Amino acid sequence: CALSPEFSSLASKVEDGSTSDSCSDKMNAQSVSFTLLRFIRLVSSPKRPITLFLDDLQWADDTALDVIHTFLSDTMGSCVFFVGTYRDNEVQIGHAIFDLLQKLETSNVPTTKVSLTGLDRGDLNKMMSDSLGLYSRICKSLSDIVFQKTKGNPFFVLEFIQSLQSRDLLQYDSCQKRWLWNEDAIRAEEITDNVLHLLSSKLSQLPNKVRLLLKVMACFGTSTNESVIDYLSESPEYAGIRNGLEGAISDGFVELNAE
């Protein structure tokens, strides 16, 4: 069951998804919807509703959105608080997500739409003031430049600030006990509105050992057992892979699982 592997034992009639037959896909979706709906009715109640959050719905296809509509429009006892997010700049008119919203309205399902925009100049200034430990008026010139470069996009703001710090355009002066920056150099910096380009640029600046580690870990999906790293580090080809682990963690590309 691609939607949630944990439901595989409950949905014993779901066919193998390896086939591309549209009829089989439709039957699979109906089976998943039926099983999921029964499960939600069983474990949810008005006092204890289920909260379900799904990100990046702009990548969902018609079948997945139909499953969502099935349990949200149920009137036979399921209680779900659903939160779905999508990037409005990545959906065009006619996208299936708009059909879902229309169906929910037709089914009298109460919905609330919240548009999250970038930080405005004031909020960005406050954020940087807190981060740098400086009065807002002191770092206003810096926050204005950052706003101009990032348009207040929180992801770009963090990446841009980190890149400035890594290249000493923003650095802490231990003598003055405060952060200092080079406004002219920062103003001359370029930033792209393409996330992939920004990340690829960041990756290209990583040491070879860190990039090698990330390439290997990517082959195992979103998580990798540490024993795999230990095994590979014994071979000459991947001898330096463990040395790159600490760097990957410090740069935020890898997170250690406490479990």
C-alpha atoms as a PDB file:
ATOM      1  CA  CYS A   1       0.000   0.000   0.000  1.00  0.00           C
ATOM      2  CA  ALA A   2       1.927   3.047  -1.266  1.00  0.00           C
ATOM      3  CA  LEU A   3      -0.221   5.552   0.620  1.00  0.00           C
ATOM      4  CA  SER A   4       0.688   4.111   4.034  1.00  0.00           C
ATOM      5  CA  PRO A   5       2.672   0.843   4.234  1.00  0.00           C
ATOM      6  CA  GLU A   6       1.392   0.244   7.763  1.00  0.00           C
ATOM      7  CA  PHE A   7      -2.102  -0.363   6.363  1.00  0.00           C
ATOM      8  CA  SER A   8      -0.917  -3.203   4.142  1.00  0.00           C
ATOM      9  CA  SER A   9      -1.947  -5.832   6.684  1.00  0.00           C
ATOM     10  CA  LEU A  10      -5.438  -4.314   6.836  1.00  0.00           C
ATOM     11  CA  ALA A  11      -5.867  -3.924   3.080  1.00  0.00           C
ATOM     12  CA  SER A  12      -5.152  -7.490   2.074  1.00  0.00           C
ATOM     13  CA  LYS A  13      -7.098  -7.157  -1.167  1.00  0.00           C
ATOM     14  CA  VAL A  14      -4.964  -4.353  -2.580  1.00  0.00           C
ATOM     15  CA  GLU A  15      -3.291  -5.548  -5.752  1.00  0.00           C
ATOM     16  CA  ASP A  16       0.397  -5.236  -6.481  1.00  0.00           C
ATOM     17  CA  GLY A  17       1.001  -1.671  -7.742  1.00  0.00           C
ATOM     18  CA  SER A  18       3.588  -2.805 -10.286  1.00  0.00           C
ATOM     19  CA  THR A  19       0.974  -3.012 -13.000  1.00  0.00           C
ATOM     20  CA  SER A  20       0.146   0.087 -15.006  1.00  0.00           C
ATOM     21  CA  ASP A  21      -3.419  -1.024 -15.738  1.00  0.00           C
ATOM     22  CA  SER A  22      -5.696   1.951 -15.016  1.00  0.00           C
ATOM     23  CA  CYS A  23      -8.558  -0.287 -13.910  1.00  0.00           C
ATOM     24  CA  SER A  24      -6.328  -2.012 -11.368  1.00  0.00           C
ATOM     25  CA  ASP A  25      -5.105   1.365 -10.117  1.00  0.00           C
ATOM     26  CA  LYS A  26      -8.686   2.512  -9.643  1.00  0.00           C
ATOM     27  CA  MET A  27      -9.582  -0.660  -7.750  1.00  0.00           C
ATOM     28  CA  ASN A  28      -6.518  -0.202  -5.545  1.00  0.00           C
ATOM     29  CA  ALA A  29      -7.554   3.370  -4.751  1.00  0.00           C
ATOM     30  CA  GLN A  30     -11.082   2.264  -3.881  1.00  0.00           C
ATOM     31  CA  SER A  31      -9.730  -0.491  -1.647  1.00  0.00           C
ATOM     32  CA  VAL A  32      -7.389   1.922   0.124  1.00  0.00           C
ATOM     33  CA  SER A  33     -10.197   4.461   0.549  1.00  0.00           C
ATOM     34  CA  PHE A  34     -12.551   1.847   1.970  1.00  0.00           C
ATOM     35  CA  THR A  35      -9.981   0.449   4.411  1.00  0.00           C
ATOM     36  CA  LEU A  36      -8.747   3.864   5.480  1.00  0.00           C
ATOM     37  CA  LEU A  37     -12.286   5.120   5.993  1.00  0.00           C
ATOM     38  CA  ARG A  38     -13.192   2.142   8.181  1.00  0.00           C
ATOM     39  CA  PHE A  39     -10.030   2.643  10.223  1.00  0.00           C
ATOM     40  CA  ILE A  40     -10.704   6.367  10.743  1.00  0.00           C
ATOM     41  CA  ARG A  41     -14.287   5.688  11.822  1.00  0.00           C
ATOM     42  CA  LEU A  42     -12.991   3.164  14.345  1.00  0.00           C
ATOM     43  CA  VAL A  43     -10.282   5.251  16.020  1.00  0.00           C
ATOM     44  CA  SER A  44     -11.689   8.795  15.784  1.00  0.00           C
ATOM     45  CA  SER A  45     -14.421  10.579  17.709  1.00  0.00           C
ATOM     46  CA  PRO A  46     -15.638  14.168  18.158  1.00  0.00           C
ATOM     47  CA  LYS A  47     -13.628  14.377  21.389  1.00  0.00           C
ATOM     48  CA  ARG A  48     -10.541  12.780  19.843  1.00  0.00           C
ATOM     49  CA  PRO A  49     -10.406  13.569  16.120  1.00  0.00           C
ATOM     50  CA  ILE A  50      -7.533  12.441  13.943  1.00  0.00           C
ATOM     51  CA  THR A  51      -5.159  15.148  12.748  1.00  0.00           C
ATOM     52  CA  LEU A  52      -3.686  14.400   9.343  1.00  0.00           C
ATOM     53  CA  PHE A  53      -1.087  16.643   7.684  1.00  0.00           C
ATOM     54  CA  LEU A  54      -0.004  16.135   4.065  1.00  0.00           C
ATOM     55  CA  ASP A  55       2.631  18.349   2.479  1.00  0.00           C
ATOM     56  CA  ASP A  56       3.370  19.108  -1.197  1.00  0.00           C
ATOM     57  CA  LEU A  57      -0.101  18.321  -2.524  1.00  0.00           C
ATOM     58  CA  GLN A  58       0.900  19.990  -5.783  1.00  0.00           C
ATOM     59  CA  TRP A  59       2.568  16.651  -6.636  1.00  0.00           C
ATOM     60  CA  ALA A  60      -0.481  14.534  -5.818  1.00  0.00           C
ATOM     61  CA  ASP A  61      -2.350  12.897  -8.692  1.00  0.00           C
ATOM     62  CA  ASP A  62      -6.115  12.563  -9.180  1.00  0.00           C
ATOM     63  CA  THR A  63      -6.242   9.159  -7.482  1.00  0.00           C
ATOM     64  CA  ALA A  64      -4.527  10.334  -4.282  1.00  0.00           C
ATOM     65  CA  LEU A  65      -6.761  13.401  -4.069  1.00  0.00           C
ATOM     66  CA  ASP A  66      -9.845  11.224  -4.576  1.00  0.00           C
ATOM     67  CA  VAL A  67      -8.790   9.174  -1.543  1.00  0.00           C
ATOM     68  CA  ILE A  68      -8.492  12.393   0.474  1.00  0.00           C
ATOM     69  CA  HIS A  69     -11.947  13.513  -0.650  1.00  0.00           C
ATOM     70  CA  THR A  70     -13.452  10.164   0.311  1.00  0.00           C
ATOM     71  CA  PHE A  71     -12.606  10.343   4.000  1.00  0.00           C
ATOM     72  CA  LEU A  72     -13.062  14.105   4.323  1.00  0.00           C
ATOM     73  CA  SER A  73     -16.582  13.982   2.925  1.00  0.00           C
ATOM     74  CA  ASP A  74     -17.617  10.999   5.027  1.00  0.00           C
ATOM     75  CA  THR A  75     -20.755  11.618   7.114  1.00  0.00           C
ATOM     76  CA  MET A  76     -20.920   8.240   8.870  1.00  0.00           C
ATOM     77  CA  GLY A  77     -18.783   8.938  11.919  1.00  0.00           C
ATOM     78  CA  SER A  78     -15.203   9.774  10.887  1.00  0.00           C
ATOM     79  CA  CYS A  79     -13.735  12.820  12.618  1.00  0.00           C
ATOM     80  CA  VAL A  80     -10.672  14.226  10.872  1.00  0.00           C
ATOM     81  CA  PHE A  81      -8.853  17.529  11.122  1.00  0.00           C
ATOM     82  CA  PHE A  82      -7.008  17.674   7.824  1.00  0.00           C
ATOM     83  CA  VAL A  83      -4.213  20.081   6.938  1.00  0.00           C
ATOM     84  CA  GLY A  84      -2.891  20.049   3.403  1.00  0.00           C
ATOM     85  CA  THR A  85      -0.269  22.326   1.898  1.00  0.00           C
ATOM     86  CA  TYR A  86       0.744  23.074  -1.650  1.00  0.00           C
ATOM     87  CA  ARG A  87       2.890  25.617  -3.466  1.00  0.00           C
ATOM     88  CA  ASP A  88       0.579  27.911  -5.367  1.00  0.00           C
ATOM     89  CA  ASN A  89       3.360  28.850  -7.771  1.00  0.00           C
ATOM     90  CA  GLU A  90       3.603  25.217  -8.905  1.00  0.00           C
ATOM     91  CA  VAL A  91      -0.059  24.606  -9.767  1.00  0.00           C
ATOM     92  CA  GLN A  92      -1.779  25.803 -12.900  1.00  0.00           C
ATOM     93  CA  ILE A  93      -5.455  26.363 -13.668  1.00  0.00           C
ATOM     94  CA  GLY A  94      -7.035  22.946 -14.078  1.00  0.00           C
ATOM     95  CA  HIS A  95      -4.800  21.232 -11.514  1.00  0.00           C
ATOM     96  CA  ALA A  96      -6.536  18.379  -9.679  1.00  0.00           C
ATOM     97  CA  ILE A  97      -6.186  20.151  -6.341  1.00  0.00           C
ATOM     98  CA  PHE A  98      -8.753  22.751  -7.431  1.00  0.00           C
ATOM     99  CA  ASP A  99     -11.153  19.951  -8.303  1.00  0.00           C
ATOM    100  CA  LEU A 100     -10.674  18.617  -4.773  1.00  0.00           C
ATOM    101  CA  LEU A 101     -11.511  22.001  -3.257  1.00  0.00           C
ATOM    102  CA  GLN A 102     -14.624  22.244  -5.439  1.00  0.00           C
ATOM    103  CA  LYS A 103     -15.745  18.735  -4.473  1.00  0.00           C
ATOM    104  CA  LEU A 104     -15.277  19.493  -0.777  1.00  0.00           C
ATOM    105  CA  GLU A 105     -17.391  22.633  -1.139  1.00  0.00           C
ATOM    106  CA  THR A 106     -20.092  20.681  -2.971  1.00  0.00           C
ATOM    107  CA  SER A 107     -20.019  18.075  -0.187  1.00  0.00           C
ATOM    108  CA  ASN A 108     -20.476  20.851   2.404  1.00  0.00           C
ATOM    109  CA  VAL A 109     -17.112  20.129   4.010  1.00  0.00           C
ATOM    110  CA  PRO A 110     -16.010  23.263   5.901  1.00  0.00           C
ATOM    111  CA  THR A 111     -12.645  24.472   4.646  1.00  0.00           C
ATOM    112  CA  THR A 112     -10.329  27.325   5.490  1.00  0.00           C
ATOM    113  CA  LYS A 113      -7.686  28.540   3.078  1.00  0.00           C
ATOM    114  CA  VAL A 114      -4.599  30.248   4.478  1.00  0.00           C
ATOM    115  CA  SER A 115      -2.044  31.842   2.156  1.00  0.00           C
ATOM    116  CA  LEU A 116       1.440  31.982   3.628  1.00  0.00           C
ATOM    117  CA  THR A 117       3.525  34.747   2.105  1.00  0.00           C
ATOM    118  CA  GLY A 118       7.073  35.833   2.837  1.00  0.00           C
ATOM    119  CA  LEU A 119       8.080  37.852   5.872  1.00  0.00           C
ATOM    120  CA  ASP A 120       7.564  41.588   5.541  1.00  0.00           C
ATOM    121  CA  ARG A 121      10.382  44.058   6.224  1.00  0.00           C
ATOM    122  CA  GLY A 122       9.349  44.620   9.825  1.00  0.00           C
ATOM    123  CA  ASP A 123       9.091  40.939  10.740  1.00  0.00           C
ATOM    124  CA  LEU A 124      12.364  40.143   9.017  1.00  0.00           C
ATOM    125  CA  ASN A 125      14.063  42.964  10.893  1.00  0.00           C
ATOM    126  CA  LYS A 126      12.741  41.616  14.208  1.00  0.00           C
ATOM    127  CA  MET A 127      13.884  38.098  13.352  1.00  0.00           C
ATOM    128  CA  MET A 128      17.397  39.250  12.506  1.00  0.00           C
ATOM    129  CA  SER A 129      17.483  41.460  15.579  1.00  0.00           C
ATOM    130  CA  ASP A 130      16.737  38.435  17.760  1.00  0.00           C
ATOM    131  CA  SER A 131      19.177  36.211  15.864  1.00  0.00           C
ATOM    132  CA  LEU A 132      22.101  38.646  16.012  1.00  0.00           C
ATOM    133  CA  GLY A 133      21.343  39.979  19.492  1.00  0.00           C
ATOM    134  CA  LEU A 134      21.262  43.577  18.255  1.00  0.00           C
ATOM    135  CA  TYR A 135      18.735  46.393  18.433  1.00  0.00           C
ATOM    136  CA  SER A 136      16.410  46.503  15.439  1.00  0.00           C
ATOM    137  CA  ARG A 137      17.655  49.931  14.361  1.00  0.00           C
ATOM    138  CA  ILE A 138      21.265  48.690  14.265  1.00  0.00           C
ATOM    139  CA  CYS A 139      20.633  45.744  11.964  1.00  0.00           C
ATOM    140  CA  LYS A 140      17.956  47.447   9.862  1.00  0.00           C
ATOM    141  CA  SER A 141      20.349  48.179   7.009  1.00  0.00           C
ATOM    142  CA  LEU A 142      21.330  44.493   6.878  1.00  0.00           C
ATOM    143  CA  SER A 143      17.751  43.221   7.109  1.00  0.00           C
ATOM    144  CA  ASP A 144      16.716  45.602   4.307  1.00  0.00           C
ATOM    145  CA  ILE A 145      19.395  44.134   2.047  1.00  0.00           C
ATOM    146  CA  VAL A 146      18.377  40.583   2.964  1.00  0.00           C
ATOM    147  CA  PHE A 147      14.728  41.424   2.268  1.00  0.00           C
ATOM    148  CA  GLN A 148      15.658  42.866  -1.108  1.00  0.00           C
ATOM    149  CA  LYS A 149      17.571  39.698  -1.975  1.00  0.00           C
ATOM    150  CA  THR A 150      15.104  37.109  -0.659  1.00  0.00           C
ATOM    151  CA  LYS A 151      11.707  38.872  -0.806  1.00  0.00           C
ATOM    152  CA  GLY A 152      11.167  37.601   2.744  1.00  0.00           C
ATOM    153  CA  ASN A 153      11.093  33.911   1.773  1.00  0.00           C
ATOM    154  CA  PRO A 154      12.025  32.208   5.091  1.00  0.00           C
ATOM    155  CA  PHE A 155      13.952  29.408   3.392  1.00  0.00           C
ATOM    156  CA  PHE A 156      15.988  31.805   1.273  1.00  0.00           C
ATOM    157  CA  VAL A 157      16.585  34.073   4.272  1.00  0.00           C
ATOM    158  CA  LEU A 158      18.142  31.274   6.306  1.00  0.00           C
ATOM    159  CA  GLU A 159      20.199  29.955   3.408  1.00  0.00           C
ATOM    160  CA  PHE A 160      21.375  33.433   2.469  1.00  0.00           C
ATOM    161  CA  ILE A 161      22.395  34.310   6.040  1.00  0.00           C
ATOM    162  CA  GLN A 162      24.240  31.012   6.410  1.00  0.00           C
ATOM    163  CA  SER A 163      26.090  31.596   3.152  1.00  0.00           C
ATOM    164  CA  LEU A 164      27.125  35.073   4.309  1.00  0.00           C
ATOM    165  CA  GLN A 165      28.418  33.697   7.586  1.00  0.00           C
ATOM    166  CA  SER A 166      30.302  30.829   5.916  1.00  0.00           C
ATOM    167  CA  ARG A 167      32.125  33.316   3.650  1.00  0.00           C
ATOM    168  CA  ASP A 168      32.867  35.777   6.466  1.00  0.00           C
ATOM    169  CA  LEU A 169      30.636  38.477   5.029  1.00  0.00           C
ATOM    170  CA  LEU A 170      28.810  38.213   8.333  1.00  0.00           C
ATOM    171  CA  GLN A 171      31.033  37.407  11.289  1.00  0.00           C
ATOM    172  CA  TYR A 172      31.196  37.754  15.032  1.00  0.00           C
ATOM    173  CA  ASP A 173      33.806  40.160  16.420  1.00  0.00           C
ATOM    174  CA  SER A 174      34.968  38.881  19.809  1.00  0.00           C
ATOM    175  CA  CYS A 175      36.572  42.235  20.664  1.00  0.00           C
ATOM    176  CA  GLN A 176      33.398  44.251  20.079  1.00  0.00           C
ATOM    177  CA  LYS A 177      31.256  41.297  21.190  1.00  0.00           C
ATOM    178  CA  ARG A 178      28.782  41.743  18.361  1.00  0.00           C
ATOM    179  CA  TRP A 179      28.103  40.689  14.788  1.00  0.00           C
ATOM    180  CA  LEU A 180      29.609  42.745  11.969  1.00  0.00           C
ATOM    181  CA  TRP A 181      28.941  42.676   8.234  1.00  0.00           C
ATOM    182  CA  ASN A 182      30.131  44.129   4.955  1.00  0.00           C
ATOM    183  CA  GLU A 183      27.112  45.877   3.457  1.00  0.00           C
ATOM    184  CA  ASP A 184      28.684  46.664   0.093  1.00  0.00           C
ATOM    185  CA  ALA A 185      29.802  43.068  -0.447  1.00  0.00           C
ATOM    186  CA  ILE A 186      26.438  41.674   0.655  1.00  0.00           C
ATOM    187  CA  ARG A 187      24.560  44.113  -1.577  1.00  0.00           C
ATOM    188  CA  ALA A 188      26.605  42.832  -4.515  1.00  0.00           C
ATOM    189  CA  GLU A 189      25.635  39.226  -3.796  1.00  0.00           C
ATOM    190  CA  GLU A 190      23.283  37.436  -6.163  1.00  0.00           C
ATOM    191  CA  ILE A 191      20.521  35.087  -5.075  1.00  0.00           C
ATOM    192  CA  THR A 192      18.267  32.941  -7.199  1.00  0.00           C
ATOM    193  CA  ASP A 193      14.574  32.227  -6.734  1.00  0.00           C
ATOM    194  CA  ASN A 194      15.188  28.632  -7.781  1.00  0.00           C
ATOM    195  CA  VAL A 195      15.464  26.314  -4.771  1.00  0.00           C
ATOM    196  CA  LEU A 196      17.227  23.563  -6.708  1.00  0.00           C
ATOM    197  CA  HIS A 197      19.868  25.970  -7.984  1.00  0.00           C
ATOM    198  CA  LEU A 198      20.423  27.313  -4.481  1.00  0.00           C
ATOM    199  CA  LEU A 199      20.864  23.842  -3.003  1.00  0.00           C
ATOM    200  CA  SER A 200      23.072  22.613  -5.845  1.00  0.00           C
ATOM    201  CA  SER A 201      25.280  25.647  -5.376  1.00  0.00           C
ATOM    202  CA  LYS A 202      25.541  24.847  -1.681  1.00  0.00           C
ATOM    203  CA  LEU A 203      26.315  21.199  -2.421  1.00  0.00           C
ATOM    204  CA  SER A 204      29.052  22.090  -4.891  1.00  0.00           C
ATOM    205  CA  GLN A 205      30.885  23.970  -2.138  1.00  0.00           C
ATOM    206  CA  LEU A 206      30.971  20.968   0.198  1.00  0.00           C
ATOM    207  CA  PRO A 207      34.203  18.993   0.701  1.00  0.00           C
ATOM    208  CA  ASN A 208      34.561  15.883  -1.448  1.00  0.00           C
ATOM    209  CA  LYS A 209      34.178  13.556   1.541  1.00  0.00           C
ATOM    210  CA  VAL A 210      30.846  15.123   2.473  1.00  0.00           C
ATOM    211  CA  ARG A 211      29.528  14.951  -1.087  1.00  0.00           C
ATOM    212  CA  LEU A 212      30.601  11.310  -1.339  1.00  0.00           C
ATOM    213  CA  LEU A 213      28.703  10.514   1.837  1.00  0.00           C
ATOM    214  CA  LEU A 214      25.536  12.232   0.609  1.00  0.00           C
ATOM    215  CA  LYS A 215      25.687  10.404  -2.733  1.00  0.00           C
ATOM    216  CA  VAL A 216      25.899   7.041  -0.999  1.00  0.00           C
ATOM    217  CA  MET A 217      23.189   7.821   1.566  1.00  0.00           C
ATOM    218  CA  ALA A 218      20.851   9.049  -1.175  1.00  0.00           C
ATOM    219  CA  CYS A 219      20.889   5.545  -2.669  1.00  0.00           C
ATOM    220  CA  PHE A 220      19.212   4.228   0.491  1.00  0.00           C
ATOM    221  CA  GLY A 221      16.352   6.728   0.531  1.00  0.00           C
ATOM    222  CA  THR A 222      15.562   9.064   3.400  1.00  0.00           C
ATOM    223  CA  SER A 223      17.351   7.071   6.107  1.00  0.00           C
ATOM    224  CA  THR A 224      20.517   5.003   6.331  1.00  0.00           C
ATOM    225  CA  ASN A 225      21.618   2.586   9.027  1.00  0.00           C
ATOM    226  CA  GLU A 226      24.981   3.488  10.537  1.00  0.00           C
ATOM    227  CA  SER A 227      26.157  -0.085   9.980  1.00  0.00           C
ATOM    228  CA  VAL A 228      26.021   0.621   6.243  1.00  0.00           C
ATOM    229  CA  ILE A 229      28.426   3.533   6.691  1.00  0.00           C
ATOM    230  CA  ASP A 230      30.744   1.338   8.789  1.00  0.00           C
ATOM    231  CA  TYR A 231      30.684  -1.423   6.166  1.00  0.00           C
ATOM    232  CA  LEU A 232      31.382   0.897   3.246  1.00  0.00           C
ATOM    233  CA  SER A 233      34.182   2.748   5.067  1.00  0.00           C
ATOM    234  CA  GLU A 234      36.188  -0.492   5.095  1.00  0.00           C
ATOM    235  CA  SER A 235      36.502  -0.433   1.305  1.00  0.00           C
ATOM    236  CA  PRO A 236      39.208   1.700  -0.357  1.00  0.00           C
ATOM    237  CA  GLU A 237      36.695   3.459  -2.597  1.00  0.00           C
ATOM    238  CA  TYR A 238      34.683   4.791   0.350  1.00  0.00           C
ATOM    239  CA  ALA A 239      37.456   5.018   2.933  1.00  0.00           C
ATOM    240  CA  GLY A 240      36.705   8.655   3.762  1.00  0.00           C
ATOM    241  CA  ILE A 241      32.943   8.364   3.942  1.00  0.00           C
ATOM    242  CA  ARG A 242      32.741   8.399   7.749  1.00  0.00           C
ATOM    243  CA  ASN A 243      34.893  11.525   7.918  1.00  0.00           C
ATOM    244  CA  GLY A 244      32.254  13.310   5.906  1.00  0.00           C
ATOM    245  CA  LEU A 245      29.450  12.417   8.318  1.00  0.00           C
ATOM    246  CA  GLU A 246      30.255  15.128  10.853  1.00  0.00           C
ATOM    247  CA  GLY A 247      30.445  17.770   8.133  1.00  0.00           C
ATOM    248  CA  ALA A 248      27.126  16.669   6.641  1.00  0.00           C
ATOM    249  CA  ILE A 249      25.477  16.914  10.052  1.00  0.00           C
ATOM    250  CA  SER A 250      26.890  20.360  10.805  1.00  0.00           C
ATOM    251  CA  ASP A 251      25.745  21.649   7.397  1.00  0.00           C
ATOM    252  CA  GLY A 252      22.205  20.398   8.036  1.00  0.00           C
ATOM    253  CA  PHE A 253      22.129  17.799   5.267  1.00  0.00           C
ATOM    254  CA  VAL A 254      21.970  14.837   7.669  1.00  0.00           C
ATOM    255  CA  GLU A 255      20.165  14.408  10.971  1.00  0.00           C
ATOM    256  CA  LEU A 256      20.998  11.760  13.558  1.00  0.00           C
ATOM    257  CA  ASN A 257      18.102   9.614  14.668  1.00  0.00           C
ATOM    258  CA  ALA A 258      18.156   9.252  18.455  1.00  0.00           C
ATOM    259  CA  GLU A 259      16.516   5.867  18.169  1.00  0.00           C
END
